[in-house]
Structure formats: C-alpha cells, structure tokens
Amino acid sequence: MDDYPVQDGYEKRDLYNARTIQELAVHYKEILKLIGEDTEREGLLKTPERVAKAMQFLTHGYDLEPEAILRSAMFKEDYKQMVIVKDIEIYSMCEHHMIRFLESACGLYPKRYIVGLSKLPRVVDAFARRLQYRNASLPR
C-alpha cells in the first residue's frame, strides 16, 4: 500500500487485495506457460504477481464511489452557465479485448449544485478504471 499526501480533501491510496493478487498471479503464470514461456526463468519469476497488481490497479474503479468523490466538494448554487473542463484524459480498458485505450472527456452543465473542478477528472477516472465498451467507429 502506498500513501500519498492529502490534496483538496482527497487522499490517493493504492490498495492491493493480497488474496486477489495471489489468485490472479496463478492464472497469469498459467497464461505465460500456455504461450510457451518458461515461468521459472529469472526474468519471469515475479511477472505473474506484477501483472496481477497491474490489473488490480487498472480496474480499481470498481472499488471507487464516484458519487462520494463529487459529494466531497459539492455546493448548492443557482448557477445556469455551462462549466467546461476540457481534455480530461481517460485511460481505460476495452471490455472485449482488455486492451488499454486513451480517450478524452469534457463538459458539465450544473443544475442546482456545483462541484470543485478537480473532482471531475477524479470521477471520470473512477469510471474509466472499469472495463468499457469502446466503439471504434466513434470520431476522435
């Protein structure tokens, strides 16, 4: 577990579930064997565990509560103008091939409430850290 300083009331913590890591590592070791690798060679000894941790990190959005992130900096305000946060990078994984992809998001139209703008990228990231359907025909 890595702890980072609190910024804007938000504390980033990378938590790994040891049991999940162990179970995933067993499967990744089998995958390496299936593709013809020698899992006992020095360079691959810790690879199954590293890949398991990477997968848990890349999909930790299932453990995040986007609503709680928003509520941590939500204010009642009678504001009717468009608020734009542009070019929020989205790093996610395709649910069909589990390959990473990069997209971007933008925009917000407040109704009755406003939120701290730093929370919007965090909410986007909470959803992006889950498997996504990505339509390759969408314009970029």
Protein backbone atom coordinates (compact mmCIF):
# COMPACT_ATOMS: atom_id res chain seq x y z
CA MET A 1 0.00 0.00 0.00
CA ASP A 2 1.32 3.41 -0.97
CA ASP A 3 0.06 6.50 0.83
CA TYR A 4 0.17 9.94 -0.71
CA PRO A 5 -0.38 13.34 0.91
CA VAL A 6 -3.95 14.61 1.12
CA GLN A 7 -4.73 17.21 -1.56
CA ASP A 8 -8.06 19.03 -1.80
CA GLY A 9 -9.57 16.66 0.79
CA TYR A 10 -8.78 13.64 -1.39
CA GLU A 11 -6.26 11.02 -0.38
CA LYS A 12 -4.90 8.71 -3.06
CA ARG A 13 -4.20 5.23 -1.76
CA ASP A 14 -3.18 2.28 -3.86
CA LEU A 15 -4.57 -0.73 -2.07
CA TYR A 16 -4.00 -4.25 -3.26
CA ASN A 17 -6.06 -7.16 -2.08
CA ALA A 18 -3.43 -9.81 -1.29
CA ARG A 19 -5.78 -12.72 -1.91
CA THR A 20 -6.89 -11.36 -5.27
CA ILE A 21 -3.26 -10.75 -6.26
CA GLN A 22 -2.37 -14.32 -5.32
CA GLU A 23 -5.30 -15.81 -7.26
CA LEU A 24 -4.70 -13.67 -10.33
CA ALA A 25 -0.98 -14.48 -10.28
CA VAL A 26 -1.74 -18.21 -10.52
CA HIS A 27 -3.76 -17.56 -13.68
CA TYR A 28 -1.16 -15.26 -15.21
CA LYS A 29 1.51 -17.89 -14.59
CA GLU A 30 -0.65 -20.39 -16.50
CA ILE A 31 -1.12 -17.90 -19.33
CA LEU A 32 2.65 -17.48 -19.59
CA LYS A 33 3.04 -21.26 -19.78
CA LEU A 34 0.32 -21.51 -22.43
CA ILE A 35 2.14 -19.03 -24.70
CA GLY A 36 5.31 -21.08 -24.38
CA GLU A 37 7.28 -19.16 -21.76
CA ASP A 38 9.44 -20.71 -19.07
CA THR A 39 7.90 -19.30 -15.91
CA GLU A 40 10.92 -20.41 -13.87
CA ARG A 41 13.42 -18.24 -15.71
CA GLU A 42 14.75 -15.30 -13.71
CA GLY A 43 13.04 -12.54 -15.70
CA LEU A 44 9.58 -14.06 -15.24
CA LEU A 45 9.67 -15.23 -11.63
CA LYS A 46 7.75 -12.21 -10.29
CA THR A 47 5.91 -11.32 -13.51
CA PRO A 48 2.61 -13.05 -12.60
CA GLU A 49 2.40 -11.04 -9.37
CA ARG A 50 3.38 -7.79 -11.11
CA VAL A 51 0.74 -8.32 -13.81
CA ALA A 52 -1.85 -9.18 -11.15
CA LYS A 53 -1.08 -5.93 -9.32
CA ALA A 54 -1.23 -4.01 -12.59
CA MET A 55 -4.64 -5.49 -13.42
CA GLN A 56 -5.95 -4.68 -9.97
CA PHE A 57 -4.68 -1.11 -10.34
CA LEU A 58 -6.11 -0.71 -13.86
CA THR A 59 -9.54 -1.88 -12.73
CA HIS A 60 -9.74 -0.31 -9.26
CA GLY A 61 -12.67 1.82 -10.40
CA TYR A 62 -14.99 -0.93 -9.21
CA ASP A 63 -13.90 -0.09 -5.66
CA LEU A 64 -14.43 3.67 -6.02
CA GLU A 65 -17.64 5.57 -5.39
CA PRO A 66 -17.92 8.42 -7.93
CA GLU A 67 -20.83 9.94 -6.02
CA ALA A 68 -18.73 10.16 -2.85
CA ILE A 69 -15.96 11.90 -4.79
CA LEU A 70 -18.44 14.51 -6.07
CA ARG A 71 -20.11 14.98 -2.70
CA SER A 72 -16.74 15.74 -1.10
CA ALA A 73 -16.78 19.14 -2.87
CA MET A 74 -20.44 19.82 -3.76
CA PHE A 75 -22.02 23.21 -3.16
CA LYS A 76 -25.59 24.40 -3.67
CA GLU A 77 -25.53 27.24 -6.16
CA ASP A 78 -28.03 28.86 -8.51
CA TYR A 79 -25.70 28.83 -11.49
CA LYS A 80 -27.02 28.44 -15.02
CA GLN A 81 -23.93 28.80 -17.20
CA MET A 82 -22.05 25.95 -18.83
CA VAL A 83 -18.91 24.95 -16.97
CA ILE A 84 -16.35 23.29 -19.18
CA VAL A 85 -13.48 21.14 -18.12
CA LYS A 86 -11.73 20.14 -21.31
CA ASP A 87 -9.38 17.36 -22.28
CA ILE A 88 -9.84 15.09 -19.29
CA GLU A 89 -7.75 12.09 -20.28
CA ILE A 90 -9.45 8.74 -20.00
CA TYR A 91 -7.24 5.69 -19.76
CA SER A 92 -9.41 2.62 -19.78
CA MET A 93 -9.60 -0.96 -21.00
CA CYS A 94 -11.76 -2.39 -23.75
CA GLU A 95 -14.11 -4.99 -22.30
CA HIS A 96 -13.85 -7.15 -25.42
CA HIS A 97 -10.05 -7.46 -25.67
CA MET A 98 -8.88 -5.98 -22.36
CA ILE A 99 -6.50 -3.70 -24.23
CA ARG A 100 -5.87 -0.19 -22.95
CA PHE A 101 -7.11 2.81 -24.89
CA LEU A 102 -6.96 6.57 -24.50
CA GLU A 103 -9.88 8.97 -24.96
CA SER A 104 -10.84 12.35 -23.58
CA ALA A 105 -13.93 13.82 -21.94
CA CYS A 106 -15.22 17.32 -21.35
CA GLY A 107 -18.17 19.41 -20.23
CA LEU A 108 -20.62 19.84 -17.40
CA TYR A 109 -23.92 21.68 -17.12
CA PRO A 110 -24.69 22.34 -13.45
CA LYS A 111 -28.23 22.11 -12.11
CA ARG A 112 -28.65 23.39 -8.54
CA TYR A 113 -25.18 22.26 -7.49
CA ILE A 114 -21.60 22.92 -8.47
CA VAL A 115 -18.57 20.83 -7.61
CA GLY A 116 -14.90 21.55 -7.26
CA LEU A 117 -13.46 21.27 -10.75
CA SER A 118 -10.65 18.98 -9.59
CA LYS A 119 -13.29 16.38 -8.71
CA LEU A 120 -14.45 15.95 -12.30
CA PRO A 121 -11.29 14.24 -13.56
CA ARG A 122 -11.37 12.02 -10.47
CA VAL A 123 -14.93 10.94 -11.21
CA VAL A 124 -14.04 10.29 -14.85
CA ASP A 125 -11.09 8.19 -13.67
CA ALA A 126 -13.32 6.21 -11.28
CA PHE A 127 -15.46 5.13 -14.23
CA ALA A 128 -12.51 4.73 -16.61
CA ARG A 129 -10.88 2.24 -14.23
CA ARG A 130 -13.59 -0.26 -15.15
CA LEU A 131 -13.88 -2.30 -18.32
CA GLN A 132 -15.53 -0.22 -21.06
CA TYR A 133 -17.30 -0.75 -24.32
CA ARG A 134 -15.37 1.31 -26.84
CA ASN A 135 -16.95 1.80 -30.23
CA ALA A 136 -14.02 2.05 -32.63
CA SER A 137 -16.19 3.93 -35.13
CA LEU A 138 -16.65 6.94 -32.82
CA PRO A 139 -14.90 10.09 -34.04
CA ARG A 140 -11.80 11.05 -32.10
